[in-house]
All heavy atoms as atom14 arrays in JSON, in Angstrom:
{
  "sequence": "EALKAGKQGDDLLKQEYRDKGIHLRTYAEPTLHYISFNMNDDVFG",
  "atom14_mask": [
    [1, 1, 1, 1, 1, 1, 1, 1, 1, 0, 0, 0, 0, 0],
    [1, 1, 1, 1, 1, 0, 0, 0, 0, 0, 0, 0, 0, 0],
    [1, 1, 1, 1, 1, 1, 1, 1, 0, 0, 0, 0, 0, 0],
    [1, 1, 1, 1, 1, 1, 1, 1, 1, 0, 0, 0, 0, 0],
    [1, 1, 1, 1, 1, 0, 0, 0, 0, 0, 0, 0, 0, 0],
    [1, 1, 1, 1, 0, 0, 0, 0, 0, 0, 0, 0, 0, 0],
    [1, 1, 1, 1, 1, 1, 1, 1, 1, 0, 0, 0, 0, 0],
    [1, 1, 1, 1, 1, 1, 1, 1, 1, 0, 0, 0, 0, 0],
    [1, 1, 1, 1, 0, 0, 0, 0, 0, 0, 0, 0, 0, 0],
    [1, 1, 1, 1, 1, 1, 1, 1, 0, 0, 0, 0, 0, 0],
    [1, 1, 1, 1, 1, 1, 1, 1, 0, 0, 0, 0, 0, 0],
    [1, 1, 1, 1, 1, 1, 1, 1, 0, 0, 0, 0, 0, 0],
    [1, 1, 1, 1, 1, 1, 1, 1, 0, 0, 0, 0, 0, 0],
    [1, 1, 1, 1, 1, 1, 1, 1, 1, 0, 0, 0, 0, 0],
    [1, 1, 1, 1, 1, 1, 1, 1, 1, 0, 0, 0, 0, 0],
    [1, 1, 1, 1, 1, 1, 1, 1, 1, 0, 0, 0, 0, 0],
    [1, 1, 1, 1, 1, 1, 1, 1, 1, 1, 1, 1, 0, 0],
    [1, 1, 1, 1, 1, 1, 1, 1, 1, 1, 1, 0, 0, 0],
    [1, 1, 1, 1, 1, 1, 1, 1, 0, 0, 0, 0, 0, 0],
    [1, 1, 1, 1, 1, 1, 1, 1, 1, 0, 0, 0, 0, 0],
    [1, 1, 1, 1, 0, 0, 0, 0, 0, 0, 0, 0, 0, 0],
    [1, 1, 1, 1, 1, 1, 1, 1, 0, 0, 0, 0, 0, 0],
    [1, 1, 1, 1, 1, 1, 1, 1, 1, 1, 0, 0, 0, 0],
    [1, 1, 1, 1, 1, 1, 1, 1, 0, 0, 0, 0, 0, 0],
    [1, 1, 1, 1, 1, 1, 1, 1, 1, 1, 1, 0, 0, 0],
    [1, 1, 1, 1, 1, 1, 1, 0, 0, 0, 0, 0, 0, 0],
    [1, 1, 1, 1, 1, 1, 1, 1, 1, 1, 1, 1, 0, 0],
    [1, 1, 1, 1, 1, 0, 0, 0, 0, 0, 0, 0, 0, 0],
    [1, 1, 1, 1, 1, 1, 1, 1, 1, 0, 0, 0, 0, 0],
    [1, 1, 1, 1, 1, 1, 1, 0, 0, 0, 0, 0, 0, 0],
    [1, 1, 1, 1, 1, 1, 1, 0, 0, 0, 0, 0, 0, 0],
    [1, 1, 1, 1, 1, 1, 1, 1, 0, 0, 0, 0, 0, 0],
    [1, 1, 1, 1, 1, 1, 1, 1, 1, 1, 0, 0, 0, 0],
    [1, 1, 1, 1, 1, 1, 1, 1, 1, 1, 1, 1, 0, 0],
    [1, 1, 1, 1, 1, 1, 1, 1, 0, 0, 0, 0, 0, 0],
    [1, 1, 1, 1, 1, 1, 0, 0, 0, 0, 0, 0, 0, 0],
    [1, 1, 1, 1, 1, 1, 1, 1, 1, 1, 1, 0, 0, 0],
    [1, 1, 1, 1, 1, 1, 1, 1, 0, 0, 0, 0, 0, 0],
    [1, 1, 1, 1, 1, 1, 1, 1, 0, 0, 0, 0, 0, 0],
    [1, 1, 1, 1, 1, 1, 1, 1, 0, 0, 0, 0, 0, 0],
    [1, 1, 1, 1, 1, 1, 1, 1, 0, 0, 0, 0, 0, 0],
    [1, 1, 1, 1, 1, 1, 1, 1, 0, 0, 0, 0, 0, 0],
    [1, 1, 1, 1, 1, 1, 1, 0, 0, 0, 0, 0, 0, 0],
    [1, 1, 1, 1, 1, 1, 1, 1, 1, 1, 1, 0, 0, 0],
    [1, 1, 1, 1, 0, 0, 0, 0, 0, 0, 0, 0, 0, 0]
  ],
  "atom14_positions": [
    [[0.83, -1.21, 0.0], [0.0, 0.0, 0.0], [0.86, 1.26, 0.0], [0.53, 2.25, -0.65], [-0.93, -0.01, 1.22], [-1.98, -1.1, 1.2], [-2.85, -1.03, -0.05], [-3.25, 0.1, -0.43], [-3.12, -2.08, -0.65], [0.0, 0.0, 0.0], [0.0, 0.0, 0.0], [0.0, 0.0, 0.0], [0.0, 0.0, 0.0], [0.0, 0.0, 0.0]],
    [[1.99, 1.21, 0.71], [2.89, 2.35, 0.74], [3.52, 2.58, -0.63], [3.73, 3.72, -1.06], [3.98, 2.14, 1.79], [0.0, 0.0, 0.0], [0.0, 0.0, 0.0], [0.0, 0.0, 0.0], [0.0, 0.0, 0.0], [0.0, 0.0, 0.0], [0.0, 0.0, 0.0], [0.0, 0.0, 0.0], [0.0, 0.0, 0.0], [0.0, 0.0, 0.0]],
    [[3.81, 1.49, -1.33], [4.35, 1.6, -2.69], [3.35, 2.27, -3.61], [3.69, 3.17, -4.39], [4.72, 0.22, -3.23], [6.0, -0.42, -2.69], [6.05, -1.9, -3.06], [7.22, 0.29, -3.25], [0.0, 0.0, 0.0], [0.0, 0.0, 0.0], [0.0, 0.0, 0.0], [0.0, 0.0, 0.0], [0.0, 0.0, 0.0], [0.0, 0.0, 0.0]],
    [[2.08, 1.83, -3.53], [1.04, 2.41, -4.37], [0.83, 3.89, -4.05], [0.53, 4.69, -4.94], [-0.27, 1.66, -4.17], [-0.26, 0.23, -4.69], [-1.59, -0.46, -4.41], [-1.57, -1.91, -4.87], [-2.85, -2.6, -4.54], [0.0, 0.0, 0.0], [0.0, 0.0, 0.0], [0.0, 0.0, 0.0], [0.0, 0.0, 0.0], [0.0, 0.0, 0.0]],
    [[1.02, 4.26, -2.79], [0.8, 5.65, -2.36], [1.99, 6.55, -2.7], [1.93, 7.76, -2.47], [0.54, 5.68, -0.86], [0.0, 0.0, 0.0], [0.0, 0.0, 0.0], [0.0, 0.0, 0.0], [0.0, 0.0, 0.0], [0.0, 0.0, 0.0], [0.0, 0.0, 0.0], [0.0, 0.0, 0.0], [0.0, 0.0, 0.0], [0.0, 0.0, 0.0]],
    [[3.07, 5.94, -3.22], [4.23, 6.74, -3.61], [5.08, 7.21, -2.45], [5.8, 8.2, -2.58], [0.0, 0.0, 0.0], [0.0, 0.0, 0.0], [0.0, 0.0, 0.0], [0.0, 0.0, 0.0], [0.0, 0.0, 0.0], [0.0, 0.0, 0.0], [0.0, 0.0, 0.0], [0.0, 0.0, 0.0], [0.0, 0.0, 0.0], [0.0, 0.0, 0.0]],
    [[5.02, 6.51, -1.33], [5.84, 6.9, -0.18], [7.31, 6.62, -0.48], [7.65, 5.91, -1.42], [5.37, 6.18, 1.08], [3.97, 6.61, 1.52], [3.6, 5.97, 2.85], [2.22, 6.46, 3.31], [1.83, 5.88, 4.62], [0.0, 0.0, 0.0], [0.0, 0.0, 0.0], [0.0, 0.0, 0.0], [0.0, 0.0, 0.0], [0.0, 0.0, 0.0]],
    [[8.2, 7.18, 0.38], [9.62, 7.08, 0.14], [10.34, 6.56, 1.38], [9.81, 6.58, 2.5], [10.2, 8.46, -0.23], [9.59, 9.09, -1.47], [9.91, 8.33, -2.73], [11.02, 7.82, -2.9], [8.94, 8.25, -3.63], [0.0, 0.0, 0.0], [0.0, 0.0, 0.0], [0.0, 0.0, 0.0], [0.0, 0.0, 0.0], [0.0, 0.0, 0.0]],
    [[11.57, 6.09, 1.19], [12.44, 5.71, 2.28], [11.88, 4.61, 3.15], [11.2, 3.69, 2.68], [0.0, 0.0, 0.0], [0.0, 0.0, 0.0], [0.0, 0.0, 0.0], [0.0, 0.0, 0.0], [0.0, 0.0, 0.0], [0.0, 0.0, 0.0], [0.0, 0.0, 0.0], [0.0, 0.0, 0.0], [0.0, 0.0, 0.0], [0.0, 0.0, 0.0]],
    [[12.15, 4.7, 4.45], [11.74, 3.65, 5.38], [10.22, 3.46, 5.43], [9.74, 2.4, 5.85], [12.25, 3.97, 6.79], [13.76, 3.84, 6.9], [14.37, 3.33, 5.95], [14.31, 4.27, 7.93], [0.0, 0.0, 0.0], [0.0, 0.0, 0.0], [0.0, 0.0, 0.0], [0.0, 0.0, 0.0], [0.0, 0.0, 0.0], [0.0, 0.0, 0.0]],
    [[9.46, 4.46, 5.02], [7.99, 4.34, 5.01], [7.51, 3.25, 4.07], [6.35, 2.84, 4.14], [7.35, 5.67, 4.63], [7.49, 6.72, 5.73], [7.72, 6.33, 6.89], [7.37, 7.92, 5.42], [0.0, 0.0, 0.0], [0.0, 0.0, 0.0], [0.0, 0.0, 0.0], [0.0, 0.0, 0.0], [0.0, 0.0, 0.0], [0.0, 0.0, 0.0]],
    [[8.39, 2.78, 3.17], [8.02, 1.72, 2.24], [8.14, 0.34, 2.87], [7.66, -0.64, 2.31], [8.91, 1.79, 0.99], [8.7, 2.99, 0.07], [9.75, 3.01, -1.03], [7.3, 2.96, -0.55], [0.0, 0.0, 0.0], [0.0, 0.0, 0.0], [0.0, 0.0, 0.0], [0.0, 0.0, 0.0], [0.0, 0.0, 0.0], [0.0, 0.0, 0.0]],
    [[8.79, 0.25, 4.03], [8.97, -1.04, 4.69], [7.78, -1.38, 5.57], [7.16, -0.49, 6.16], [10.23, -1.01, 5.55], [11.57, -0.83, 4.83], [12.7, -0.71, 5.84], [11.83, -1.98, 3.88], [0.0, 0.0, 0.0], [0.0, 0.0, 0.0], [0.0, 0.0, 0.0], [0.0, 0.0, 0.0], [0.0, 0.0, 0.0], [0.0, 0.0, 0.0]],
    [[7.49, -2.67, 5.69], [6.47, -3.1, 6.63], [6.92, -2.77, 8.05], [8.12, -2.79, 8.36], [6.23, -4.61, 6.49], [5.59, -5.0, 5.17], [5.42, -6.52, 5.06], [4.8, -6.9, 3.72], [4.7, -8.37, 3.56], [0.0, 0.0, 0.0], [0.0, 0.0, 0.0], [0.0, 0.0, 0.0], [0.0, 0.0, 0.0], [0.0, 0.0, 0.0]],
    [[5.97, -2.49, 8.9], [6.28, -2.01, 10.25], [7.15, -3.02, 11.01], [8.03, -2.63, 11.79], [4.99, -1.75, 11.01], [5.2, -1.08, 12.37], [5.8, 0.31, 12.24], [5.33, 1.12, 11.45], [6.86, 0.57, 12.99], [0.0, 0.0, 0.0], [0.0, 0.0, 0.0], [0.0, 0.0, 0.0], [0.0, 0.0, 0.0], [0.0, 0.0, 0.0]],
    [[6.92, -4.3, 10.8], [7.66, -5.31, 11.57], [9.16, -5.23, 11.3], [9.98, -5.53, 12.19], [7.15, -6.71, 11.24], [7.32, -7.12, 9.79], [6.71, -8.47, 9.48], [7.31, -9.49, 9.87], [5.62, -8.5, 8.86], [0.0, 0.0, 0.0], [0.0, 0.0, 0.0], [0.0, 0.0, 0.0], [0.0, 0.0, 0.0], [0.0, 0.0, 0.0]],
    [[9.54, -4.8, 10.09], [10.97, -4.7, 9.78], [11.54, -3.38, 10.26], [12.71, -3.31, 10.68], [11.18, -4.89, 8.28], [10.79, -6.28, 7.84], [9.55, -6.52, 7.23], [11.61, -7.37, 8.09], [9.16, -7.8, 6.87], [11.24, -8.65, 7.72], [10.02, -8.87, 7.12], [9.64, -10.13, 6.78], [0.0, 0.0, 0.0], [0.0, 0.0, 0.0]],
    [[10.73, -2.33, 10.22], [11.19, -1.06, 10.79], [11.41, -1.21, 12.29], [12.36, -0.64, 12.84], [10.16, 0.04, 10.51], [10.21, 0.57, 9.08], [9.28, 1.74, 8.9], [7.92, 1.33, 8.61], [6.87, 2.13, 8.6], [7.01, 3.4, 8.92], [5.67, 1.68, 8.31], [0.0, 0.0, 0.0], [0.0, 0.0, 0.0], [0.0, 0.0, 0.0]],
    [[10.56, -2.01, 12.94], [10.7, -2.23, 14.38], [12.0, -2.97, 14.7], [12.48, -2.9, 15.84], [9.51, -3.02, 14.92], [8.21, -2.21, 14.89], [8.29, -0.98, 14.77], [7.12, -2.83, 14.98], [0.0, 0.0, 0.0], [0.0, 0.0, 0.0], [0.0, 0.0, 0.0], [0.0, 0.0, 0.0], [0.0, 0.0, 0.0], [0.0, 0.0, 0.0]],
    [[12.55, -3.68, 13.75], [13.8, -4.4, 13.96], [15.02, -3.54, 13.67], [16.16, -4.02, 13.72], [13.85, -5.64, 13.06], [12.8, -6.7, 13.38], [12.89, -7.87, 12.42], [11.84, -8.93, 12.73], [11.92, -10.08, 11.77], [0.0, 0.0, 0.0], [0.0, 0.0, 0.0], [0.0, 0.0, 0.0], [0.0, 0.0, 0.0], [0.0, 0.0, 0.0]],
    [[14.81, -2.25, 13.36], [15.92, -1.37, 13.07], [16.47, -1.52, 11.68], [17.65, -1.22, 11.42], [0.0, 0.0, 0.0], [0.0, 0.0, 0.0], [0.0, 0.0, 0.0], [0.0, 0.0, 0.0], [0.0, 0.0, 0.0], [0.0, 0.0, 0.0], [0.0, 0.0, 0.0], [0.0, 0.0, 0.0], [0.0, 0.0, 0.0], [0.0, 0.0, 0.0]],
    [[15.63, -1.99, 10.76], [16.04, -2.15, 9.36], [15.63, -0.91, 8.57], [14.52, -0.4, 8.74], [15.42, -3.42, 8.75], [16.01, -4.67, 9.44], [15.63, -3.49, 7.26], [15.39, -5.97, 9.0], [0.0, 0.0, 0.0], [0.0, 0.0, 0.0], [0.0, 0.0, 0.0], [0.0, 0.0, 0.0], [0.0, 0.0, 0.0], [0.0, 0.0, 0.0]],
    [[16.52, -0.45, 7.73], [16.29, 0.76, 6.94], [16.39, 0.43, 5.44], [16.97, -0.58, 5.05], [17.31, 1.85, 7.3], [17.26, 2.25, 8.74], [16.38, 3.2, 9.21], [17.98, 1.83, 9.81], [16.56, 3.37, 10.51], [17.54, 2.54, 10.89], [0.0, 0.0, 0.0], [0.0, 0.0, 0.0], [0.0, 0.0, 0.0], [0.0, 0.0, 0.0]],
    [[15.85, 1.34, 4.63], [15.84, 1.17, 3.18], [16.61, 2.3, 2.52], [16.45, 3.46, 2.86], [14.4, 1.15, 2.66], [14.22, 1.1, 1.13], [14.68, -0.27, 0.6], [12.77, 1.36, 0.75], [0.0, 0.0, 0.0], [0.0, 0.0, 0.0], [0.0, 0.0, 0.0], [0.0, 0.0, 0.0], [0.0, 0.0, 0.0], [0.0, 0.0, 0.0]],
    [[17.47, 1.92, 1.56], [18.18, 2.91, 0.75], [17.84, 2.66, -0.72], [17.9, 1.52, -1.19], [19.69, 2.8, 0.97], [20.52, 3.75, 0.12], [22.0, 3.6, 0.4], [22.36, 4.2, 1.67], [22.99, 3.56, 2.65], [23.3, 2.29, 2.5], [23.3, 4.17, 3.77], [0.0, 0.0, 0.0], [0.0, 0.0, 0.0], [0.0, 0.0, 0.0]],
    [[17.45, 3.69, -1.45], [17.14, 3.55, -2.87], [17.9, 4.6, -3.67], [18.17, 5.7, -3.18], [15.63, 3.73, -3.14], [15.25, 5.07, -2.8], [14.81, 2.76, -2.32], [0.0, 0.0, 0.0], [0.0, 0.0, 0.0], [0.0, 0.0, 0.0], [0.0, 0.0, 0.0], [0.0, 0.0, 0.0], [0.0, 0.0, 0.0], [0.0, 0.0, 0.0]],
    [[18.25, 4.24, -4.89], [18.87, 5.21, -5.8], [18.78, 4.69, -7.23], [18.66, 3.49, -7.46], [20.32, 5.49, -5.41], [21.26, 4.3, -5.5], [22.01, 4.05, -6.66], [21.41, 3.42, -4.43], [22.87, 2.97, -6.73], [22.26, 2.34, -4.5], [23.0, 2.12, -5.65], [23.85, 1.05, -5.73], [0.0, 0.0, 0.0], [0.0, 0.0, 0.0]],
    [[18.8, 5.62, -8.15], [18.77, 5.27, -9.57], [20.17, 4.89, -10.02], [21.13, 5.62, -9.79], [18.26, 6.45, -10.4], [0.0, 0.0, 0.0], [0.0, 0.0, 0.0], [0.0, 0.0, 0.0], [0.0, 0.0, 0.0], [0.0, 0.0, 0.0], [0.0, 0.0, 0.0], [0.0, 0.0, 0.0], [0.0, 0.0, 0.0], [0.0, 0.0, 0.0]],
    [[20.29, 3.72, -10.63], [21.59, 3.27, -11.12], [21.69, 3.61, -12.61], [20.75, 3.37, -13.37], [21.72, 1.75, -10.93], [23.08, 1.21, -11.31], [23.16, -0.29, -11.1], [22.35, -1.02, -11.71], [24.03, -0.74, -10.35], [0.0, 0.0, 0.0], [0.0, 0.0, 0.0], [0.0, 0.0, 0.0], [0.0, 0.0, 0.0], [0.0, 0.0, 0.0]],
    [[22.81, 4.18, -13.06], [22.96, 4.54, -14.48], [23.2, 3.3, -15.34], [24.27, 3.1, -15.91], [24.17, 5.48, -14.47], [24.99, 5.01, -13.32], [24.0, 4.56, -12.27], [0.0, 0.0, 0.0], [0.0, 0.0, 0.0], [0.0, 0.0, 0.0], [0.0, 0.0, 0.0], [0.0, 0.0, 0.0], [0.0, 0.0, 0.0], [0.0, 0.0, 0.0]],
    [[22.2, 2.45, -15.38], [22.28, 1.17, -16.09], [21.2, 1.11, -17.16], [20.06, 1.5, -16.92], [22.07, 0.0, -15.11], [23.11, 0.02, -14.13], [22.08, -1.33, -15.83], [0.0, 0.0, 0.0], [0.0, 0.0, 0.0], [0.0, 0.0, 0.0], [0.0, 0.0, 0.0], [0.0, 0.0, 0.0], [0.0, 0.0, 0.0], [0.0, 0.0, 0.0]],
    [[21.56, 0.6, -18.32], [20.58, 0.39, -19.39], [20.53, -1.1, -19.68], [21.55, -1.73, -19.98], [20.98, 1.16, -20.65], [20.06, 0.95, -21.86], [18.64, 1.41, -21.55], [20.6, 1.7, -23.08], [0.0, 0.0, 0.0], [0.0, 0.0, 0.0], [0.0, 0.0, 0.0], [0.0, 0.0, 0.0], [0.0, 0.0, 0.0], [0.0, 0.0, 0.0]],
    [[19.33, -1.67, -19.57], [19.08, -3.07, -19.93], [18.45, -3.08, -21.32], [17.52, -2.33, -21.59], [18.14, -3.69, -18.89], [17.69, -5.07, -19.22], [16.52, -5.61, -18.73], [18.24, -6.05, -20.0], [16.37, -6.84, -19.18], [17.39, -7.12, -19.96], [0.0, 0.0, 0.0], [0.0, 0.0, 0.0], [0.0, 0.0, 0.0], [0.0, 0.0, 0.0]],
    [[18.96, -3.91, -22.21], [18.48, -3.92, -23.58], [18.68, -5.3, -24.21], [19.42, -6.14, -23.68], [19.19, -2.86, -24.42], [20.7, -2.98, -24.44], [21.37, -3.7, -25.43], [21.48, -2.39, -23.44], [22.75, -3.82, -25.44], [22.86, -2.5, -23.44], [23.49, -3.22, -24.43], [24.86, -3.34, -24.42], [0.0, 0.0, 0.0], [0.0, 0.0, 0.0]],
    [[18.02, -5.52, -25.32], [18.25, -6.71, -26.14], [19.01, -6.26, -27.38], [18.58, -5.34, -28.08], [16.92, -7.38, -26.54], [16.2, -7.89, -25.29], [17.16, -8.54, -27.51], [14.78, -8.34, -25.55], [0.0, 0.0, 0.0], [0.0, 0.0, 0.0], [0.0, 0.0, 0.0], [0.0, 0.0, 0.0], [0.0, 0.0, 0.0], [0.0, 0.0, 0.0]],
    [[20.13, -6.91, -27.62], [21.02, -6.52, -28.72], [20.86, -7.52, -29.87], [21.1, -8.71, -29.7], [22.47, -6.51, -28.2], [23.38, -6.29, -29.24], [0.0, 0.0, 0.0], [0.0, 0.0, 0.0], [0.0, 0.0, 0.0], [0.0, 0.0, 0.0], [0.0, 0.0, 0.0], [0.0, 0.0, 0.0], [0.0, 0.0, 0.0], [0.0, 0.0, 0.0]],
    [[20.42, -7.03, -31.01], [20.32, -7.89, -32.19], [21.72, -8.14, -32.77], [22.57, -7.24, -32.76], [19.45, -7.26, -33.27], [17.99, -7.2, -32.95], [17.4, -6.0, -32.59], [17.2, -8.34, -32.98], [16.06, -5.93, -32.28], [15.85, -8.28, -32.68], [15.28, -7.08, -32.33], [0.0, 0.0, 0.0], [0.0, 0.0, 0.0], [0.0, 0.0, 0.0]],
    [[21.94, -9.31, -33.31], [23.15, -9.59, -34.07], [22.92, -9.07, -35.49], [22.2, -9.68, -36.27], [23.45, -11.08, -34.08], [24.72, -11.42, -34.85], [25.36, -10.55, -35.45], [25.09, -12.69, -34.86], [0.0, 0.0, 0.0], [0.0, 0.0, 0.0], [0.0, 0.0, 0.0], [0.0, 0.0, 0.0], [0.0, 0.0, 0.0], [0.0, 0.0, 0.0]],
    [[23.53, -7.93, -35.8], [23.27, -7.3, -37.1], [23.88, -8.06, -38.27], [23.67, -7.71, -39.42], [23.79, -5.86, -37.08], [23.08, -4.97, -36.06], [21.32, -4.77, -36.38], [21.37, -3.61, -37.77], [0.0, 0.0, 0.0], [0.0, 0.0, 0.0], [0.0, 0.0, 0.0], [0.0, 0.0, 0.0], [0.0, 0.0, 0.0], [0.0, 0.0, 0.0]],
    [[24.61, -9.13, -37.99], [25.13, -10.0, -39.06], [24.18, -11.15, -39.37], [24.42, -11.92, -40.31], [26.5, -10.58, -38.65], [27.58, -9.52, -38.56], [27.59, -8.57, -39.35], [28.49, -9.66, -37.61], [0.0, 0.0, 0.0], [0.0, 0.0, 0.0], [0.0, 0.0, 0.0], [0.0, 0.0, 0.0], [0.0, 0.0, 0.0], [0.0, 0.0, 0.0]],
    [[23.1, -11.26, -38.63], [22.16, -12.36, -38.81], [21.41, -12.21, -40.14], [21.0, -11.11, -40.52], [21.17, -12.4, -37.65], [20.2, -13.55, -37.76], [20.63, -14.7, -37.63], [18.99, -13.29, -37.97], [0.0, 0.0, 0.0], [0.0, 0.0, 0.0], [0.0, 0.0, 0.0], [0.0, 0.0, 0.0], [0.0, 0.0, 0.0], [0.0, 0.0, 0.0]],
    [[21.2, -13.33, -40.82], [20.56, -13.3, -42.14], [19.08, -12.94, -42.08], [18.52, -12.48, -43.09], [20.72, -14.66, -42.83], [22.16, -14.95, -43.23], [22.92, -13.98, -43.39], [22.51, -16.14, -43.36], [0.0, 0.0, 0.0], [0.0, 0.0, 0.0], [0.0, 0.0, 0.0], [0.0, 0.0, 0.0], [0.0, 0.0, 0.0], [0.0, 0.0, 0.0]],
    [[18.43, -13.15, -40.93], [17.0, -12.89, -40.83], [16.72, -11.54, -40.18], [15.92, -10.75, -40.69], [16.29, -14.01, -40.04], [14.79, -13.7, -39.89], [16.48, -15.35, -40.74], [0.0, 0.0, 0.0], [0.0, 0.0, 0.0], [0.0, 0.0, 0.0], [0.0, 0.0, 0.0], [0.0, 0.0, 0.0], [0.0, 0.0, 0.0], [0.0, 0.0, 0.0]],
    [[17.36, -11.25, -39.06], [17.08, -10.03, -38.3], [18.14, -8.94, -38.5], [17.95, -7.82, -38.04], [16.97, -10.35, -36.81], [15.65, -10.92, -36.42], [15.39, -12.28, -36.58], [14.64, -10.12, -35.89], [14.17, -12.82, -36.23], [13.41, -10.65, -35.54], [13.17, -12.01, -35.7], [0.0, 0.0, 0.0], [0.0, 0.0, 0.0], [0.0, 0.0, 0.0]],
    [[19.22, -9.24, -39.18], [20.32, -8.3, -39.29], [20.35, -7.53, -40.6], [19.41, -7.53, -41.39], [0.0, 0.0, 0.0], [0.0, 0.0, 0.0], [0.0, 0.0, 0.0], [0.0, 0.0, 0.0], [0.0, 0.0, 0.0], [0.0, 0.0, 0.0], [0.0, 0.0, 0.0], [0.0, 0.0, 0.0], [0.0, 0.0, 0.0], [0.0, 0.0, 0.0]]
  ]
}
C-alpha cells in the first residue's frame, strides 16, 4: 500500500521490519538493460 501511495524511504517497509531497526536505501543506477540484435544475422540483421 505504501508503494502504491508513492511513499519514500523507510515508510516503504512493513512495520515489523522497521521495528527491527532495518532501513531502506534507494537510488537510480545509471544502467541500461536492452536486447542486442546480431546485425550479421541473415533474418534479423
